[in-house]
């Protein structure tokens, strides 16, 4: 089991500001439904905790180059997924 302590709502908000992203762009980066969904992780009385797999996905998209992300999308396809690999590689607009 991986020990994991999620980033705080403030740390996620800081990431958003560092990237200069809107809530919609952060939602696209994390692959959640939209800005309102993303705000559930950064605001309110009890913000949701970001799951390990979501943070891993965000970090991978911010860290890996396009060929590596395309290779990962290919492996996901080999496993049986159907996805738009370009959407995985392209930064949120």
PDB file of N, CA and C in Angstrom:
ATOM      1  N   UNK A   1       0.832  -1.178   0.000  1.00  0.00           N
ATOM      2  CA  UNK A   1       0.000   0.000   0.000  1.00  0.00           C
ATOM      3  C   UNK A   1       0.883   1.250   0.000  1.00  0.00           C
ATOM      4  N   UNK A   2       0.508   2.226  -0.779  1.00  0.00           N
ATOM      5  CA  UNK A   2       1.248   3.481  -0.856  1.00  0.00           C
ATOM      6  C   UNK A   2       0.712   4.436   0.201  1.00  0.00           C
ATOM      7  N   UNK A   3       1.597   4.938   1.045  1.00  0.00           N
ATOM      8  CA  UNK A   3       1.186   5.954   2.002  1.00  0.00           C
ATOM      9  C   UNK A   3       1.043   7.260   1.238  1.00  0.00           C
ATOM     10  N   UNK A   4      -0.050   7.981   1.484  1.00  0.00           N
ATOM     11  CA  UNK A   4      -0.349   9.177   0.707  1.00  0.00           C
ATOM     12  C   UNK A   4      -1.061  10.200   1.572  1.00  0.00           C
ATOM     13  N   UNK A   5      -0.556  11.403   1.556  1.00  0.00           N
ATOM     14  CA  UNK A   5      -1.227  12.540   2.160  1.00  0.00           C
ATOM     15  C   UNK A   5      -1.505  13.517   1.026  1.00  0.00           C
ATOM     16  N   UNK A   6      -2.762  13.815   0.748  1.00  0.00           N
ATOM     17  CA  UNK A   6      -3.078  14.675  -0.390  1.00  0.00           C
ATOM     18  C   UNK A   6      -2.676  16.125  -0.149  1.00  0.00           C
ATOM     19  N   UNK A   7      -2.494  16.868  -1.237  1.00  0.00           N
ATOM     20  CA  UNK A   7      -2.244  18.300  -1.080  1.00  0.00           C
ATOM     21  C   UNK A   7      -3.479  18.970  -0.483  1.00  0.00           C
ATOM     22  N   UNK A   8      -3.254  20.068   0.204  1.00  0.00           N
ATOM     23  CA  UNK A   8      -4.365  20.812   0.786  1.00  0.00           C
ATOM     24  C   UNK A   8      -5.084  21.604  -0.304  1.00  0.00           C
ATOM     25  N   UNK A   9      -6.252  22.094   0.041  1.00  0.00           N
ATOM     26  CA  UNK A   9      -7.001  22.947  -0.891  1.00  0.00           C
ATOM     27  C   UNK A   9      -6.164  24.173  -1.258  1.00  0.00           C
ATOM     28  N   UNK A  10      -5.436  24.711  -0.292  1.00  0.00           N
ATOM     29  CA  UNK A  10      -4.595  25.876  -0.551  1.00  0.00           C
ATOM     30  C   UNK A  10      -3.460  25.534  -1.515  1.00  0.00           C
ATOM     31  N   UNK A  11      -2.881  24.363  -1.366  1.00  0.00           N
ATOM     32  CA  UNK A  11      -1.806  23.953  -2.275  1.00  0.00           C
ATOM     33  C   UNK A  11      -2.336  23.746  -3.688  1.00  0.00           C
ATOM     34  N   UNK A  12      -3.530  23.210  -3.820  1.00  0.00           N
ATOM     35  CA  UNK A  12      -4.130  23.037  -5.144  1.00  0.00           C
ATOM     36  C   UNK A  12      -4.460  24.396  -5.762  1.00  0.00           C
ATOM     37  N   UNK A  13      -4.936  25.319  -4.950  1.00  0.00           N
ATOM     38  CA  UNK A  13      -5.217  26.665  -5.438  1.00  0.00           C
ATOM     39  C   UNK A  13      -3.918  27.340  -5.888  1.00  0.00           C
ATOM     40  N   UNK A  14      -2.845  27.130  -5.143  1.00  0.00           N
ATOM     41  CA  UNK A  14      -1.544  27.696  -5.509  1.00  0.00           C
ATOM     42  C   UNK A  14      -1.067  27.128  -6.834  1.00  0.00           C
ATOM     43  N   UNK A  15      -1.255  25.824  -7.057  1.00  0.00           N
ATOM     44  CA  UNK A  15      -0.884  25.213  -8.332  1.00  0.00           C
ATOM     45  C   UNK A  15      -1.657  25.873  -9.474  1.00  0.00           C
ATOM     46  N   UNK A  16      -2.953  26.049  -9.281  1.00  0.00           N
ATOM     47  CA  UNK A  16      -3.796  26.699 -10.292  1.00  0.00           C
ATOM     48  C   UNK A  16      -3.252  28.088 -10.633  1.00  0.00           C
ATOM     49  N   UNK A  17      -2.897  28.841  -9.603  1.00  0.00           N
ATOM     50  CA  UNK A  17      -2.364  30.192  -9.810  1.00  0.00           C
ATOM     51  C   UNK A  17      -0.998  30.154 -10.490  1.00  0.00           C
ATOM     52  N   UNK A  18      -0.137  29.213 -10.099  1.00  0.00           N
ATOM     53  CA  UNK A  18       1.187  29.095 -10.716  1.00  0.00           C
ATOM     54  C   UNK A  18       1.080  28.773 -12.200  1.00  0.00           C
ATOM     55  N   UNK A  19       0.113  27.928 -12.537  1.00  0.00           N
ATOM     56  CA  UNK A  19      -0.082  27.560 -13.936  1.00  0.00           C
ATOM     57  C   UNK A  19      -0.801  28.658 -14.719  1.00  0.00           C
ATOM     58  N   UNK A  20      -1.477  29.546 -14.004  1.00  0.00           N
ATOM     59  CA  UNK A  20      -2.269  30.576 -14.660  1.00  0.00           C
ATOM     60  C   UNK A  20      -3.509  30.009 -15.329  1.00  0.00           C
ATOM     61  N   UNK A  21      -4.013  28.917 -14.771  1.00  0.00           N
ATOM     62  CA  UNK A  21      -5.164  28.228 -15.343  1.00  0.00           C
ATOM     63  C   UNK A  21      -6.466  28.722 -14.719  1.00  0.00           C
ATOM     64  N   UNK A  22      -7.522  28.621 -15.484  1.00  0.00           N
ATOM     65  CA  UNK A  22      -8.863  28.847 -14.975  1.00  0.00           C
ATOM     66  C   UNK A  22      -9.326  27.567 -14.279  1.00  0.00           C
ATOM     67  N   UNK A  23     -10.456  27.659 -13.603  1.00  0.00           N
ATOM     68  CA  UNK A  23     -11.037  26.455 -12.994  1.00  0.00           C
ATOM     69  C   UNK A  23     -11.374  25.412 -14.046  1.00  0.00           C
ATOM     70  N   UNK A  24     -11.853  25.863 -15.202  1.00  0.00           N
ATOM     71  CA  UNK A  24     -12.175  24.938 -16.295  1.00  0.00           C
ATOM     72  C   UNK A  24     -10.917  24.229 -16.801  1.00  0.00           C
ATOM     73  N   UNK A  25      -9.817  24.962 -16.904  1.00  0.00           N
ATOM     74  CA  UNK A  25      -8.565  24.353 -17.353  1.00  0.00           C
ATOM     75  C   UNK A  25      -8.038  23.358 -16.331  1.00  0.00           C
ATOM     76  N   UNK A  26      -8.166  23.672 -15.054  1.00  0.00           N
ATOM     77  CA  UNK A  26      -7.749  22.728 -14.010  1.00  0.00           C
ATOM     78  C   UNK A  26      -8.607  21.478 -14.064  1.00  0.00           C
ATOM     79  N   UNK A  27      -9.900  21.661 -14.293  1.00  0.00           N
ATOM     80  CA  UNK A  27     -10.798  20.509 -14.408  1.00  0.00           C
ATOM     81  C   UNK A  27     -10.371  19.636 -15.583  1.00  0.00           C
ATOM     82  N   UNK A  28     -10.032  20.256 -16.703  1.00  0.00           N
ATOM     83  CA  UNK A  28      -9.577  19.488 -17.867  1.00  0.00           C
ATOM     84  C   UNK A  28      -8.264  18.763 -17.558  1.00  0.00           C
ATOM     85  N   UNK A  29      -7.352  19.441 -16.862  1.00  0.00           N
ATOM     86  CA  UNK A  29      -6.074  18.826 -16.499  1.00  0.00           C
ATOM     87  C   UNK A  29      -6.277  17.596 -15.629  1.00  0.00           C
ATOM     88  N   UNK A  30      -7.227  17.692 -14.690  1.00  0.00           N
ATOM     89  CA  UNK A  30      -7.492  16.590 -13.761  1.00  0.00           C
ATOM     90  C   UNK A  30      -8.501  15.594 -14.299  1.00  0.00           C
ATOM     91  N   UNK A  31      -9.087  15.928 -15.440  1.00  0.00           N
ATOM     92  CA  UNK A  31     -10.102  15.082 -16.074  1.00  0.00           C
ATOM     93  C   UNK A  31     -11.337  14.924 -15.186  1.00  0.00           C
ATOM     94  N   UNK A  32     -11.791  16.070 -14.654  1.00  0.00           N
ATOM     95  CA  UNK A  32     -13.063  16.099 -13.940  1.00  0.00           C
ATOM     96  C   UNK A  32     -14.054  16.910 -14.769  1.00  0.00           C
ATOM     97  N   UNK A  33     -15.323  16.823 -14.423  1.00  0.00           N
ATOM     98  CA  UNK A  33     -16.415  17.324 -15.259  1.00  0.00           C
ATOM     99  C   UNK A  33     -16.324  18.804 -15.619  1.00  0.00           C
ATOM    100  N   UNK A  34     -15.865  19.663 -14.748  1.00  0.00           N
ATOM    101  CA  UNK A  34     -15.826  21.083 -15.054  1.00  0.00           C
ATOM    102  C   UNK A  34     -15.311  21.885 -13.885  1.00  0.00           C
ATOM    103  N   UNK A  35     -15.308  23.203 -14.060  1.00  0.00           N
ATOM    104  CA  UNK A  35     -14.790  24.090 -13.027  1.00  0.00           C
ATOM    105  C   UNK A  35     -15.497  23.935 -11.696  1.00  0.00           C
ATOM    106  N   UNK A  36     -16.810  23.734 -11.733  1.00  0.00           N
ATOM    107  CA  UNK A  36     -17.556  23.552 -10.484  1.00  0.00           C
ATOM    108  C   UNK A  36     -17.079  22.294  -9.759  1.00  0.00           C
ATOM    109  N   UNK A  37     -16.789  21.257 -10.511  1.00  0.00           N
ATOM    110  CA  UNK A  37     -16.291  20.013  -9.910  1.00  0.00           C
ATOM    111  C   UNK A  37     -14.894  20.243  -9.324  1.00  0.00           C
ATOM    112  N   UNK A  38     -14.038  20.973 -10.043  1.00  0.00           N
ATOM    113  CA  UNK A  38     -12.685  21.250  -9.549  1.00  0.00           C
ATOM    114  C   UNK A  38     -12.750  22.044  -8.242  1.00  0.00           C
ATOM    115  N   UNK A  39     -13.685  23.007  -8.145  1.00  0.00           N
ATOM    116  CA  UNK A  39     -13.787  23.835  -6.941  1.00  0.00           C
ATOM    117  C   UNK A  39     -14.108  23.014  -5.696  1.00  0.00           C
ATOM    118  N   UNK A  40     -14.658  21.838  -5.876  1.00  0.00           N
ATOM    119  CA  UNK A  40     -14.934  20.977  -4.719  1.00  0.00           C
ATOM    120  C   UNK A  40     -13.639  20.556  -4.023  1.00  0.00           C
ATOM    121  N   UNK A  41     -12.526  20.650  -4.742  1.00  0.00           N
ATOM    122  CA  UNK A  41     -11.229  20.292  -4.164  1.00  0.00           C
ATOM    123  C   UNK A  41     -10.498  21.499  -3.584  1.00  0.00           C
ATOM    124  N   UNK A  42     -10.961  22.711  -3.891  1.00  0.00           N
ATOM    125  CA  UNK A  42     -10.233  23.907  -3.476  1.00  0.00           C
ATOM    126  C   UNK A  42     -11.047  24.860  -2.619  1.00  0.00           C
ATOM    127  N   UNK A  43     -12.302  24.537  -2.318  1.00  0.00           N
ATOM    128  CA  UNK A  43     -13.102  25.482  -1.554  1.00  0.00           C
ATOM    129  C   UNK A  43     -14.195  24.819  -0.756  1.00  0.00           C
ATOM    130  N   UNK A  44     -15.003  25.666  -0.148  1.00  0.00           N
ATOM    131  CA  UNK A  44     -16.109  25.180   0.670  1.00  0.00           C
ATOM    132  C   UNK A  44     -15.661  24.880   2.090  1.00  0.00           C
ATOM    133  N   UNK A  45     -16.625  24.514   2.905  1.00  0.00           N
ATOM    134  CA  UNK A  45     -16.333  24.207   4.305  1.00  0.00           C
ATOM    135  C   UNK A  45     -15.417  23.006   4.456  1.00  0.00           C
ATOM    136  N   UNK A  46     -15.673  21.972   3.661  1.00  0.00           N
ATOM    137  CA  UNK A  46     -14.860  20.761   3.717  1.00  0.00           C
ATOM    138  C   UNK A  46     -14.475  20.350   2.300  1.00  0.00           C
ATOM    139  N   UNK A  47     -13.375  20.913   1.786  1.00  0.00           N
ATOM    140  CA  UNK A  47     -12.963  20.541   0.435  1.00  0.00           C
ATOM    141  C   UNK A  47     -12.679  19.042   0.338  1.00  0.00           C
ATOM    142  N   UNK A  48     -12.980  18.490  -0.812  1.00  0.00           N
ATOM    143  CA  UNK A  48     -12.651  17.078  -1.048  1.00  0.00           C
ATOM    144  C   UNK A  48     -11.148  16.903  -1.074  1.00  0.00           C
ATOM    145  N   UNK A  49     -10.707  15.717  -0.698  1.00  0.00           N
ATOM    146  CA  UNK A  49      -9.294  15.382  -0.807  1.00  0.00           C
ATOM    147  C   UNK A  49      -9.039  14.820  -2.202  1.00  0.00           C
ATOM    148  N   UNK A  50      -7.951  15.248  -2.803  1.00  0.00           N
ATOM    149  CA  UNK A  50      -7.587  14.776  -4.126  1.00  0.00           C
ATOM    150  C   UNK A  50      -7.022  13.360  -4.002  1.00  0.00           C
ATOM    151  N   UNK A  51      -7.628  12.427  -4.694  1.00  0.00           N
ATOM    152  CA  UNK A  51      -7.164  11.040  -4.656  1.00  0.00           C
ATOM    153  C   UNK A  51      -5.788  10.915  -5.288  1.00  0.00           C
ATOM    154  N   UNK A  52      -5.059   9.914  -4.853  1.00  0.00           N
ATOM    155  CA  UNK A  52      -3.717   9.656  -5.370  1.00  0.00           C
ATOM    156  C   UNK A  52      -3.712   9.526  -6.885  1.00  0.00           C
ATOM    157  N   UNK A  53      -4.669   8.785  -7.438  1.00  0.00           N
ATOM    158  CA  UNK A  53      -4.651   8.574  -8.886  1.00  0.00           C
ATOM    159  C   UNK A  53      -4.904   9.870  -9.645  1.00  0.00           C
ATOM    160  N   UNK A  54      -5.712  10.766  -9.086  1.00  0.00           N
ATOM    161  CA  UNK A  54      -5.955  12.050  -9.741  1.00  0.00           C
ATOM    162  C   UNK A  54      -4.700  12.920  -9.709  1.00  0.00           C
ATOM    163  N   UNK A  55      -4.032  12.957  -8.561  1.00  0.00           N
ATOM    164  CA  UNK A  55      -2.807  13.744  -8.464  1.00  0.00           C
ATOM    165  C   UNK A  55      -1.726  13.165  -9.378  1.00  0.00           C
ATOM    166  N   UNK A  56      -1.637  11.843  -9.440  1.00  0.00           N
ATOM    167  CA  UNK A  56      -0.669  11.198 -10.332  1.00  0.00           C
ATOM    168  C   UNK A  56      -0.937  11.611 -11.783  1.00  0.00           C
ATOM    169  N   UNK A  57      -2.202  11.610 -12.169  1.00  0.00           N
ATOM    170  CA  UNK A  57      -2.594  11.982 -13.526  1.00  0.00           C
ATOM    171  C   UNK A  57      -2.202  13.432 -13.819  1.00  0.00           C
ATOM    172  N   UNK A  58      -2.495  14.341 -12.888  1.00  0.00           N
ATOM    173  CA  UNK A  58      -2.132  15.745 -13.056  1.00  0.00           C
ATOM    174  C   UNK A  58      -0.619  15.884 -13.185  1.00  0.00           C
ATOM    175  N   UNK A  59       0.115  15.269 -12.274  1.00  0.00           N
ATOM    176  CA  UNK A  59       1.575  15.370 -12.286  1.00  0.00           C
ATOM    177  C   UNK A  59       2.166  14.789 -13.564  1.00  0.00           C
ATOM    178  N   UNK A  60       1.620  13.674 -14.029  1.00  0.00           N
ATOM    179  CA  UNK A  60       2.112  13.064 -15.262  1.00  0.00           C
ATOM    180  C   UNK A  60       1.896  14.001 -16.443  1.00  0.00           C
ATOM    181  N   UNK A  61       0.710  14.578 -16.533  1.00  0.00           N
ATOM    182  CA  UNK A  61       0.419  15.475 -17.654  1.00  0.00           C
ATOM    183  C   UNK A  61       1.290  16.717 -17.616  1.00  0.00           C
ATOM    184  N   UNK A  62       1.683  17.172 -16.419  1.00  0.00           N
ATOM    185  CA  UNK A  62       2.533  18.346 -16.300  1.00  0.00           C
ATOM    186  C   UNK A  62       4.014  18.024 -16.476  1.00  0.00           C
ATOM    187  N   UNK A  63       4.392  16.756 -16.320  1.00  0.00           N
ATOM    188  CA  UNK A  63       5.802  16.382 -16.307  1.00  0.00           C
ATOM    189  C   UNK A  63       6.289  15.665 -17.553  1.00  0.00           C
ATOM    190  N   UNK A  64       5.435  14.849 -18.157  1.00  0.00           N
ATOM    191  CA  UNK A  64       5.883  13.981 -19.240  1.00  0.00           C
ATOM    192  C   UNK A  64       5.754  14.664 -20.595  1.00  0.00           C
ATOM    193  N   UNK A  65       6.655  14.323 -21.493  1.00  0.00           N
ATOM    194  CA  UNK A  65       6.597  14.899 -22.833  1.00  0.00           C
ATOM    195  C   UNK A  65       5.552  14.177 -23.681  1.00  0.00           C
ATOM    196  N   UNK A  66       5.217  14.764 -24.819  1.00  0.00           N
ATOM    197  CA  UNK A  66       4.164  14.241 -25.687  1.00  0.00           C
ATOM    198  C   UNK A  66       4.408  12.793 -26.113  1.00  0.00           C
ATOM    199  N   UNK A  67       5.626  12.419 -26.555  1.00  0.00           N
ATOM    200  CA  UNK A  67       5.830  11.021 -26.960  1.00  0.00           C
ATOM    201  C   UNK A  67       5.573  10.025 -25.821  1.00  0.00           C
ATOM    202  N   UNK A  68       5.949  10.397 -24.613  1.00  0.00           N
ATOM    203  CA  UNK A  68       5.725   9.507 -23.474  1.00  0.00           C
ATOM    204  C   UNK A  68       4.237   9.382 -23.183  1.00  0.00           C
ATOM    205  N   UNK A  69       3.520  10.508 -23.201  1.00  0.00           N
ATOM    206  CA  UNK A  69       2.073  10.456 -22.977  1.00  0.00           C
ATOM    207  C   UNK A  69       1.374   9.661 -24.080  1.00  0.00           C
ATOM    208  N   UNK A  70       1.844   9.791 -25.307  1.00  0.00           N
ATOM    209  CA  UNK A  70       1.272   9.016 -26.419  1.00  0.00           C
ATOM    210  C   UNK A  70       1.531   7.527 -26.219  1.00  0.00           C
ATOM    211  N   UNK A  71       2.717   7.181 -25.712  1.00  0.00           N
ATOM    212  CA  UNK A  71       3.033   5.772 -25.437  1.00  0.00           C
ATOM    213  C   UNK A  71       2.124   5.225 -24.330  1.00  0.00           C
ATOM    214  N   UNK A  72       1.869   6.034 -23.312  1.00  0.00           N
ATOM    215  CA  UNK A  72       0.964   5.627 -22.234  1.00  0.00           C
ATOM    216  C   UNK A  72      -0.444   5.436 -22.785  1.00  0.00           C
ATOM    217  N   UNK A  73      -0.893   6.360 -23.627  1.00  0.00           N
ATOM    218  CA  UNK A  73      -2.223   6.227 -24.238  1.00  0.00           C
ATOM    219  C   UNK A  73      -2.290   4.956 -25.075  1.00  0.00           C
ATOM    220  N   UNK A  74      -1.202   4.625 -25.762  1.00  0.00           N
ATOM    221  CA  UNK A  74      -1.149   3.379 -26.533  1.00  0.00           C
ATOM    222  C   UNK A  74      -1.283   2.159 -25.645  1.00  0.00           C
ATOM    223  N   UNK A  75      -0.615   2.184 -24.502  1.00  0.00           N
ATOM    224  CA  UNK A  75      -0.719   1.072 -23.551  1.00  0.00           C
ATOM    225  C   UNK A  75      -2.139   0.976 -23.008  1.00  0.00           C
ATOM    226  N   UNK A  76      -2.759   2.109 -22.740  1.00  0.00           N
ATOM    227  CA  UNK A  76      -4.144   2.104 -22.271  1.00  0.00           C
ATOM    228  C   UNK A  76      -5.044   1.479 -23.337  1.00  0.00           C
ATOM    229  N   UNK A  77      -4.774   1.786 -24.589  1.00  0.00           N
ATOM    230  CA  UNK A  77      -5.537   1.204 -25.701  1.00  0.00           C
ATOM    231  C   UNK A  77      -5.304  -0.303 -25.759  1.00  0.00           C
ATOM    232  N   UNK A  78      -4.037  -0.724 -25.592  1.00  0.00           N
ATOM    233  CA  UNK A  78      -3.714  -2.156 -25.603  1.00  0.00           C
ATOM    234  C   UNK A  78      -4.481  -2.900 -24.505  1.00  0.00           C
ATOM    235  N   UNK A  79      -4.664  -2.248 -23.379  1.00  0.00           N
ATOM    236  CA  UNK A  79      -5.363  -2.860 -22.257  1.00  0.00           C
ATOM    237  C   UNK A  79      -6.864  -2.947 -22.534  1.00  0.00           C
ATOM    238  N   UNK A  80      -7.351  -2.095 -23.415  1.00  0.00           N
ATOM    239  CA  UNK A  80      -8.759  -2.170 -23.782  1.00  0.00           C
ATOM    240  C   UNK A  80      -9.519  -0.857 -23.763  1.00  0.00           C
ATOM    241  N   UNK A  81      -8.848   0.230 -23.396  1.00  0.00           N
ATOM    242  CA  UNK A  81      -9.528   1.525 -23.327  1.00  0.00           C
ATOM    243  C   UNK A  81      -9.670   2.147 -24.709  1.00  0.00           C
ATOM    244  N   UNK A  82     -10.660   2.975 -24.828  1.00  0.00           N
ATOM    245  CA  UNK A  82     -10.832   3.803 -26.024  1.00  0.00           C
ATOM    246  C   UNK A  82     -10.775   5.236 -25.545  1.00  0.00           C
ATOM    247  N   UNK A  83      -9.794   5.988 -26.040  1.00  0.00           N
ATOM    248  CA  UNK A  83      -9.632   7.362 -25.615  1.00  0.00           C
ATOM    249  C   UNK A  83      -9.019   8.192 -26.721  1.00  0.00           C
ATOM    250  N   UNK A  84      -9.200   9.501 -26.610  1.00  0.00           N
ATOM    251  CA  UNK A  84      -8.591  10.442 -27.529  1.00  0.00           C
ATOM    252  C   UNK A  84      -7.199  10.740 -26.995  1.00  0.00           C
ATOM    253  N   UNK A  85      -6.197  10.095 -27.542  1.00  0.00           N
ATOM    254  CA  UNK A  85      -4.829  10.249 -27.061  1.00  0.00           C
ATOM    255  C   UNK A  85      -4.376  11.689 -27.158  1.00  0.00           C
ATOM    256  N   UNK A  86      -4.816  12.402 -28.174  1.00  0.00           N
ATOM    257  CA  UNK A  86      -4.391  13.794 -28.332  1.00  0.00           C
ATOM    258  C   UNK A  86      -4.890  14.655 -27.181  1.00  0.00           C
ATOM    259  N   UNK A  87      -6.083  14.372 -26.676  1.00  0.00           N
ATOM    260  CA  UNK A  87      -6.610  15.133 -25.543  1.00  0.00           C
ATOM    261  C   UNK A  87      -5.766  14.900 -24.294  1.00  0.00           C
ATOM    262  N   UNK A  88      -5.170  13.741 -24.177  1.00  0.00           N
ATOM    263  CA  UNK A  88      -4.294  13.438 -23.042  1.00  0.00           C
ATOM    264  C   UNK A  88      -3.005  14.239 -23.138  1.00  0.00           C
ATOM    265  N   UNK A  89      -2.520  14.423 -24.360  1.00  0.00           N
ATOM    266  CA  UNK A  89      -1.237  15.060 -24.618  1.00  0.00           C
ATOM    267  C   UNK A  89      -1.353  16.589 -24.635  1.00  0.00           C
ATOM    268  N   UNK A  90      -2.460  17.103 -25.121  1.00  0.00           N
ATOM    269  CA  UNK A  90      -2.629  18.540 -25.315  1.00  0.00           C
ATOM    270  C   UNK A  90      -2.971  19.225 -24.005  1.00  0.00           C
ATOM    271  N   UNK A  91      -2.233  20.300 -23.648  1.00  0.00           N
ATOM    272  CA  UNK A  91      -2.577  21.038 -22.437  1.00  0.00           C
ATOM    273  C   UNK A  91      -3.976  21.640 -22.550  1.00  0.00           C
ATOM    274  N   UNK A  92      -4.663  21.806 -21.432  1.00  0.00           N
ATOM    275  CA  UNK A  92      -6.007  22.384 -21.472  1.00  0.00           C
ATOM    276  C   UNK A  92      -5.990  23.773 -22.096  1.00  0.00           C
ATOM    277  N   UNK A  93      -6.957  24.046 -22.935  1.00  0.00           N
ATOM    278  CA  UNK A  93      -7.030  25.355 -23.610  1.00  0.00           C
ATOM    279  C   UNK A  93      -7.793  26.345 -22.774  1.00  0.00           C
TER     280      UNK A  93
END
